[in-house]
Amino acid sequence: MPAGVRGQGHAPRPSPFDLPVGSILAMADTQQVDAKDGRRVARLAKQIGAFSRQHGGAEGQVAYIGERGARIVLVGEDGGWGDLVAPSVEIARKAVEKAGITVHESFDGEFAAKVTTGPYEWTRMAGIQLGGPKNG
């Protein structure tokens, strides 16, 4: 039996690399990736919207964090803050755009000053150095 033939009446299965650019198989793979990314964007935008509603509005900043993707830092109008991780900067930017929040280029100045810290942050981040309770 010649190479590439699987049996009587069967044609050899084409390799995706043998197909011309724009072929149905190549487009199907792209559409699956696009659909998956679209769902990620929608899920992140929903979470951002929920945070914004809970905190009287929100602003954010997107930061690249290496292979892990991108971090979306959120600061509410009430000073509450949180973050989300997206698989890429592109997905993170699309999510904040879809959520309709103001996005800052960096986390400094007036934007950083909006963050309020409470007992939890003092205990976890600086409590030991300032004589507070030990993290345990």
N, C-alpha and C. Protein backbone atom coordinates (compact mmCIF):
# COMPACT_ATOMS: atom_id res chain seq x y z
N MET A 1 0.85 -1.18 0.00
CA MET A 1 0.00 0.00 0.00
C MET A 1 0.90 1.24 0.00
N PRO A 2 0.63 2.22 -0.87
CA PRO A 2 1.47 3.42 -0.93
C PRO A 2 1.37 4.23 0.36
N ALA A 3 2.39 5.00 0.64
CA ALA A 3 2.42 5.85 1.85
C ALA A 3 1.29 6.87 1.80
N GLY A 4 0.68 7.12 2.94
CA GLY A 4 -0.37 8.12 3.03
C GLY A 4 -1.76 7.59 2.74
N VAL A 5 -1.87 6.33 2.27
CA VAL A 5 -3.18 5.76 1.97
C VAL A 5 -3.56 4.84 3.13
N ARG A 6 -4.76 5.01 3.68
CA ARG A 6 -5.19 4.27 4.85
C ARG A 6 -5.98 3.02 4.51
N GLY A 7 -6.39 2.86 3.36
CA GLY A 7 -7.17 1.68 2.99
C GLY A 7 -7.93 1.95 1.72
N GLN A 8 -8.61 0.93 1.26
CA GLN A 8 -9.34 1.05 0.02
C GLN A 8 -10.43 2.10 0.13
N GLY A 9 -10.46 3.01 -0.79
CA GLY A 9 -11.49 4.03 -0.85
C GLY A 9 -11.25 5.24 0.04
N HIS A 10 -10.14 5.29 0.74
CA HIS A 10 -9.85 6.43 1.62
C HIS A 10 -8.70 7.25 1.06
N ALA A 11 -8.91 8.53 1.02
CA ALA A 11 -7.84 9.42 0.58
C ALA A 11 -6.97 9.77 1.79
N PRO A 12 -5.72 10.10 1.57
CA PRO A 12 -4.87 10.48 2.70
C PRO A 12 -5.40 11.75 3.37
N ARG A 13 -5.28 11.82 4.68
CA ARG A 13 -5.72 13.00 5.44
C ARG A 13 -4.71 14.12 5.21
N PRO A 14 -5.17 15.30 4.79
CA PRO A 14 -4.22 16.39 4.54
C PRO A 14 -3.67 16.92 5.86
N SER A 15 -2.43 17.31 5.82
CA SER A 15 -1.81 17.97 6.97
C SER A 15 -2.29 19.42 6.98
N PRO A 16 -2.52 20.02 8.16
CA PRO A 16 -2.93 21.42 8.18
C PRO A 16 -1.89 22.34 7.54
N PHE A 17 -0.64 21.85 7.49
CA PHE A 17 0.42 22.67 6.92
C PHE A 17 0.38 22.63 5.39
N ASP A 18 -0.30 21.63 4.82
CA ASP A 18 -0.41 21.51 3.37
C ASP A 18 -1.56 22.34 2.81
N LEU A 19 -2.45 22.81 3.69
CA LEU A 19 -3.62 23.54 3.23
C LEU A 19 -3.26 24.99 2.93
N PRO A 20 -3.90 25.57 1.94
CA PRO A 20 -3.60 26.97 1.63
C PRO A 20 -4.08 27.89 2.76
N VAL A 21 -3.42 29.03 2.87
CA VAL A 21 -3.81 30.02 3.86
C VAL A 21 -5.25 30.44 3.60
N GLY A 22 -6.04 30.55 4.67
CA GLY A 22 -7.44 30.92 4.51
C GLY A 22 -8.35 29.72 4.32
N SER A 23 -7.79 28.50 4.42
CA SER A 23 -8.61 27.32 4.23
C SER A 23 -9.57 27.17 5.40
N ILE A 24 -10.53 26.29 5.26
CA ILE A 24 -11.56 26.09 6.27
C ILE A 24 -10.95 25.64 7.59
N LEU A 25 -10.00 24.70 7.58
CA LEU A 25 -9.41 24.22 8.84
C LEU A 25 -8.67 25.34 9.56
N ALA A 26 -7.90 26.12 8.83
CA ALA A 26 -7.16 27.22 9.46
C ALA A 26 -8.13 28.25 10.02
N MET A 27 -9.21 28.53 9.32
CA MET A 27 -10.19 29.51 9.80
C MET A 27 -10.93 28.97 11.02
N ALA A 28 -11.22 27.68 11.07
CA ALA A 28 -11.92 27.10 12.21
C ALA A 28 -11.10 27.22 13.47
N ASP A 29 -9.78 26.97 13.38
CA ASP A 29 -8.90 27.12 14.54
C ASP A 29 -8.91 28.56 15.04
N THR A 30 -8.84 29.51 14.13
CA THR A 30 -8.83 30.92 14.50
C THR A 30 -10.15 31.31 15.15
N GLN A 31 -11.26 30.80 14.61
CA GLN A 31 -12.58 31.13 15.18
C GLN A 31 -12.72 30.57 16.58
N GLN A 32 -12.17 29.37 16.84
CA GLN A 32 -12.24 28.79 18.18
C GLN A 32 -11.45 29.65 19.17
N VAL A 33 -10.26 30.09 18.78
CA VAL A 33 -9.45 30.95 19.63
C VAL A 33 -10.18 32.27 19.87
N ASP A 34 -10.73 32.85 18.81
CA ASP A 34 -11.45 34.12 18.94
C ASP A 34 -12.66 33.97 19.86
N ALA A 35 -13.39 32.86 19.75
CA ALA A 35 -14.57 32.65 20.59
C ALA A 35 -14.16 32.47 22.04
N LYS A 36 -13.09 31.74 22.28
CA LYS A 36 -12.60 31.53 23.64
C LYS A 36 -12.15 32.86 24.25
N ASP A 37 -11.41 33.64 23.49
CA ASP A 37 -10.97 34.95 23.97
C ASP A 37 -12.16 35.87 24.22
N GLY A 38 -13.17 35.78 23.36
CA GLY A 38 -14.37 36.59 23.53
C GLY A 38 -15.08 36.26 24.84
N ARG A 39 -15.13 34.97 25.18
CA ARG A 39 -15.74 34.56 26.45
C ARG A 39 -14.91 35.05 27.63
N ARG A 40 -13.60 35.01 27.50
CA ARG A 40 -12.73 35.52 28.58
C ARG A 40 -12.93 37.01 28.78
N VAL A 41 -12.99 37.75 27.68
CA VAL A 41 -13.22 39.20 27.76
C VAL A 41 -14.56 39.48 28.44
N ALA A 42 -15.59 38.77 28.02
CA ALA A 42 -16.93 38.98 28.60
C ALA A 42 -16.94 38.66 30.09
N ARG A 43 -16.30 37.56 30.49
CA ARG A 43 -16.27 37.18 31.91
C ARG A 43 -15.53 38.23 32.73
N LEU A 44 -14.37 38.69 32.25
CA LEU A 44 -13.60 39.71 32.97
C LEU A 44 -14.38 41.02 33.05
N ALA A 45 -15.02 41.42 31.94
CA ALA A 45 -15.80 42.66 31.93
C ALA A 45 -16.95 42.58 32.93
N LYS A 46 -17.56 41.41 33.05
CA LYS A 46 -18.65 41.22 34.02
C LYS A 46 -18.11 41.37 35.44
N GLN A 47 -16.95 40.80 35.73
CA GLN A 47 -16.35 40.92 37.06
C GLN A 47 -15.96 42.36 37.35
N ILE A 48 -15.42 43.05 36.37
CA ILE A 48 -15.06 44.46 36.53
C ILE A 48 -16.32 45.29 36.80
N GLY A 49 -17.37 45.03 36.06
CA GLY A 49 -18.64 45.74 36.25
C GLY A 49 -19.21 45.51 37.64
N ALA A 50 -19.13 44.28 38.14
CA ALA A 50 -19.62 43.97 39.48
C ALA A 50 -18.81 44.73 40.53
N PHE A 51 -17.49 44.76 40.36
CA PHE A 51 -16.64 45.51 41.29
C PHE A 51 -17.01 46.99 41.27
N SER A 52 -17.18 47.53 40.08
CA SER A 52 -17.53 48.94 39.91
C SER A 52 -18.85 49.28 40.60
N ARG A 53 -19.86 48.44 40.42
CA ARG A 53 -21.16 48.68 41.07
C ARG A 53 -21.04 48.60 42.59
N GLN A 54 -20.26 47.66 43.08
CA GLN A 54 -20.10 47.48 44.52
C GLN A 54 -19.36 48.64 45.18
N HIS A 55 -18.50 49.31 44.42
CA HIS A 55 -17.65 50.36 44.98
C HIS A 55 -17.98 51.76 44.46
N GLY A 56 -19.16 51.93 43.91
CA GLY A 56 -19.59 53.26 43.47
C GLY A 56 -18.86 53.78 42.25
N GLY A 57 -18.36 52.90 41.43
CA GLY A 57 -17.58 53.26 40.25
C GLY A 57 -16.16 52.73 40.41
N ALA A 58 -15.43 52.68 39.32
CA ALA A 58 -14.07 52.15 39.40
C ALA A 58 -13.20 52.71 38.28
N GLU A 59 -11.92 52.69 38.53
CA GLU A 59 -10.89 53.00 37.54
C GLU A 59 -9.91 51.84 37.56
N GLY A 60 -9.12 51.70 36.51
CA GLY A 60 -8.21 50.57 36.46
C GLY A 60 -6.90 50.87 35.78
N GLN A 61 -6.01 49.90 35.85
CA GLN A 61 -4.72 49.96 35.18
C GLN A 61 -4.35 48.54 34.77
N VAL A 62 -3.85 48.38 33.55
CA VAL A 62 -3.45 47.08 33.02
C VAL A 62 -1.93 47.02 33.01
N ALA A 63 -1.37 45.95 33.58
CA ALA A 63 0.08 45.79 33.63
C ALA A 63 0.47 44.39 33.15
N TYR A 64 1.45 44.33 32.30
CA TYR A 64 1.99 43.06 31.81
C TYR A 64 2.72 42.37 32.96
N ILE A 65 2.44 41.08 33.19
CA ILE A 65 3.12 40.36 34.27
C ILE A 65 3.87 39.13 33.76
N GLY A 66 4.32 39.18 32.54
CA GLY A 66 5.11 38.09 31.98
C GLY A 66 4.24 37.01 31.36
N GLU A 67 4.75 35.79 31.38
CA GLU A 67 4.05 34.68 30.74
C GLU A 67 2.65 34.47 31.31
N ARG A 68 2.44 34.86 32.54
CA ARG A 68 1.14 34.69 33.20
C ARG A 68 0.06 35.52 32.53
N GLY A 69 0.43 36.64 31.90
CA GLY A 69 -0.55 37.47 31.22
C GLY A 69 -0.49 38.92 31.65
N ALA A 70 -1.63 39.43 32.12
CA ALA A 70 -1.73 40.83 32.51
C ALA A 70 -2.57 40.96 33.77
N ARG A 71 -2.21 41.91 34.59
CA ARG A 71 -2.95 42.18 35.83
C ARG A 71 -3.80 43.42 35.62
N ILE A 72 -5.06 43.32 35.99
CA ILE A 72 -5.96 44.46 35.94
C ILE A 72 -6.17 44.92 37.39
N VAL A 73 -5.60 46.07 37.74
CA VAL A 73 -5.77 46.61 39.09
C VAL A 73 -6.98 47.53 39.05
N LEU A 74 -7.91 47.32 39.98
CA LEU A 74 -9.13 48.12 40.04
C LEU A 74 -9.15 48.91 41.35
N VAL A 75 -9.54 50.17 41.25
CA VAL A 75 -9.70 51.02 42.43
C VAL A 75 -11.09 51.62 42.36
N GLY A 76 -11.87 51.37 43.41
CA GLY A 76 -13.23 51.88 43.46
C GLY A 76 -13.27 53.32 43.94
N GLU A 77 -14.39 53.98 43.68
CA GLU A 77 -14.57 55.37 44.13
C GLU A 77 -14.53 55.48 45.64
N ASP A 78 -14.84 54.38 46.34
CA ASP A 78 -14.81 54.39 47.80
C ASP A 78 -13.43 54.05 48.35
N GLY A 79 -12.44 53.85 47.48
CA GLY A 79 -11.08 53.54 47.91
C GLY A 79 -10.78 52.06 47.98
N GLY A 80 -11.81 51.22 47.85
CA GLY A 80 -11.59 49.78 47.83
C GLY A 80 -10.83 49.38 46.58
N TRP A 81 -10.07 48.32 46.68
CA TRP A 81 -9.29 47.92 45.51
C TRP A 81 -9.25 46.40 45.39
N GLY A 82 -8.89 45.96 44.21
CA GLY A 82 -8.77 44.54 43.93
C GLY A 82 -8.07 44.36 42.60
N ASP A 83 -7.85 43.14 42.22
CA ASP A 83 -7.22 42.90 40.92
C ASP A 83 -7.73 41.61 40.31
N LEU A 84 -7.53 41.51 39.01
CA LEU A 84 -7.88 40.33 38.23
C LEU A 84 -6.69 40.02 37.34
N VAL A 85 -6.56 38.77 36.93
CA VAL A 85 -5.49 38.40 36.01
C VAL A 85 -6.12 37.91 34.71
N ALA A 86 -5.65 38.44 33.61
CA ALA A 86 -6.10 38.05 32.27
C ALA A 86 -4.96 37.30 31.59
N PRO A 87 -5.27 36.41 30.65
CA PRO A 87 -4.23 35.64 29.99
C PRO A 87 -3.32 36.44 29.06
N SER A 88 -3.73 37.66 28.70
CA SER A 88 -2.89 38.51 27.85
C SER A 88 -3.27 39.97 28.05
N VAL A 89 -2.36 40.84 27.67
CA VAL A 89 -2.62 42.28 27.77
C VAL A 89 -3.78 42.65 26.84
N GLU A 90 -3.83 42.05 25.67
CA GLU A 90 -4.89 42.35 24.71
C GLU A 90 -6.27 42.03 25.30
N ILE A 91 -6.39 40.87 25.91
CA ILE A 91 -7.67 40.48 26.51
C ILE A 91 -8.01 41.42 27.67
N ALA A 92 -7.02 41.77 28.48
CA ALA A 92 -7.25 42.68 29.60
C ALA A 92 -7.74 44.04 29.10
N ARG A 93 -7.09 44.57 28.06
CA ARG A 93 -7.50 45.88 27.53
C ARG A 93 -8.92 45.83 26.95
N LYS A 94 -9.24 44.75 26.26
CA LYS A 94 -10.60 44.62 25.72
C LYS A 94 -11.63 44.53 26.84
N ALA A 95 -11.29 43.85 27.93
CA ALA A 95 -12.22 43.69 29.05
C ALA A 95 -12.48 45.04 29.74
N VAL A 96 -11.44 45.82 29.99
CA VAL A 96 -11.68 47.11 30.65
C VAL A 96 -12.44 48.05 29.73
N GLU A 97 -12.17 47.95 28.44
CA GLU A 97 -12.91 48.77 27.47
C GLU A 97 -14.39 48.38 27.46
N LYS A 98 -14.64 47.08 27.45
CA LYS A 98 -16.02 46.59 27.44
C LYS A 98 -16.74 46.98 28.73
N ALA A 99 -16.03 46.97 29.85
CA ALA A 99 -16.63 47.35 31.14
C ALA A 99 -16.88 48.84 31.23
N GLY A 100 -16.21 49.63 30.41
CA GLY A 100 -16.45 51.06 30.37
C GLY A 100 -15.82 51.86 31.50
N ILE A 101 -14.73 51.35 32.07
CA ILE A 101 -14.09 52.11 33.15
C ILE A 101 -12.93 52.94 32.60
N THR A 102 -12.53 53.95 33.37
CA THR A 102 -11.37 54.75 33.02
C THR A 102 -10.12 53.92 33.25
N VAL A 103 -9.19 53.94 32.31
CA VAL A 103 -7.97 53.16 32.42
C VAL A 103 -6.78 54.11 32.45
N HIS A 104 -5.89 53.90 33.42
CA HIS A 104 -4.68 54.71 33.58
C HIS A 104 -3.48 53.96 33.02
N GLU A 105 -2.50 54.69 32.52
CA GLU A 105 -1.29 54.09 31.98
C GLU A 105 -0.38 53.53 33.06
N SER A 106 -0.39 54.16 34.24
CA SER A 106 0.46 53.69 35.33
C SER A 106 -0.28 53.81 36.65
N PHE A 107 0.26 53.14 37.66
CA PHE A 107 -0.37 53.14 38.97
C PHE A 107 0.40 54.10 39.87
N ASP A 108 0.16 55.38 39.66
CA ASP A 108 0.84 56.39 40.48
C ASP A 108 0.00 57.65 40.55
N GLY A 109 0.49 58.63 41.28
CA GLY A 109 -0.17 59.92 41.37
C GLY A 109 -1.55 59.86 41.98
N GLU A 110 -2.46 60.62 41.41
CA GLU A 110 -3.82 60.72 41.94
C GLU A 110 -4.53 59.37 41.97
N PHE A 111 -4.26 58.54 40.97
CA PHE A 111 -4.90 57.23 40.90
C PHE A 111 -4.50 56.37 42.10
N ALA A 112 -3.21 56.27 42.38
CA ALA A 112 -2.74 55.47 43.51
C ALA A 112 -3.21 56.05 44.83
N ALA A 113 -3.35 57.36 44.90
CA ALA A 113 -3.77 58.01 46.14
C ALA A 113 -5.23 57.69 46.50
N LYS A 114 -6.00 57.20 45.55
CA LYS A 114 -7.40 56.87 45.81
C LYS A 114 -7.55 55.58 46.64
N VAL A 115 -6.51 54.76 46.69
CA VAL A 115 -6.57 53.49 47.41
C VAL A 115 -6.57 53.75 48.92
N THR A 116 -7.52 53.14 49.62
CA THR A 116 -7.51 53.22 51.08
C THR A 116 -7.12 51.85 51.62
N THR A 117 -6.33 51.89 52.68
CA THR A 117 -5.91 50.64 53.31
C THR A 117 -6.56 50.55 54.68
N GLY A 118 -6.81 49.35 55.07
CA GLY A 118 -7.43 49.11 56.37
C GLY A 118 -6.56 48.23 57.24
N PRO A 119 -7.11 47.76 58.34
CA PRO A 119 -6.35 46.92 59.26
C PRO A 119 -5.75 45.67 58.60
N TYR A 120 -6.49 45.07 57.68
CA TYR A 120 -5.99 43.87 57.02
C TYR A 120 -4.67 44.16 56.29
N GLU A 121 -4.67 45.22 55.48
CA GLU A 121 -3.46 45.55 54.72
C GLU A 121 -2.29 45.89 55.64
N TRP A 122 -2.56 46.64 56.71
CA TRP A 122 -1.49 47.01 57.64
C TRP A 122 -0.94 45.77 58.32
N THR A 123 -1.80 44.86 58.69
CA THR A 123 -1.35 43.64 59.36
C THR A 123 -0.56 42.76 58.41
N ARG A 124 -1.06 42.57 57.20
CA ARG A 124 -0.42 41.67 56.25
C ARG A 124 0.84 42.25 55.63
N MET A 125 0.87 43.55 55.36
CA MET A 125 1.99 44.13 54.63
C MET A 125 3.02 44.80 55.52
N ALA A 126 2.59 45.46 56.58
CA ALA A 126 3.54 46.23 57.37
C ALA A 126 3.40 46.02 58.86
N GLY A 127 2.47 45.20 59.27
CA GLY A 127 2.18 45.04 60.68
C GLY A 127 3.37 44.60 61.52
N ILE A 128 4.15 43.64 61.04
CA ILE A 128 5.27 43.13 61.80
C ILE A 128 6.31 44.23 62.00
N GLN A 129 6.61 44.98 60.96
CA GLN A 129 7.64 46.02 61.05
C GLN A 129 7.19 47.16 61.98
N LEU A 130 5.88 47.38 62.08
CA LEU A 130 5.37 48.49 62.88
C LEU A 130 4.88 48.04 64.25
N GLY A 131 5.21 46.82 64.63
CA GLY A 131 4.82 46.33 65.94
C GLY A 131 3.42 45.77 66.00
N GLY A 132 2.80 45.55 64.86
CA GLY A 132 1.45 45.00 64.83
C GLY A 132 1.47 43.50 65.04
N PRO A 133 0.31 42.88 64.99
CA PRO A 133 0.25 41.43 65.18
C PRO A 133 1.00 40.69 64.09
N LYS A 134 1.54 39.54 64.47
CA LYS A 134 2.29 38.74 63.49
C LYS A 134 1.34 38.11 62.49
N ASN A 135 1.85 37.94 61.28
CA ASN A 135 1.08 37.25 60.24
C ASN A 135 1.12 35.78 60.53
N GLY A 136 0.05 35.20 60.90
CA GLY A 136 0.13 33.78 61.22
C GLY A 136 -1.09 33.10 61.00
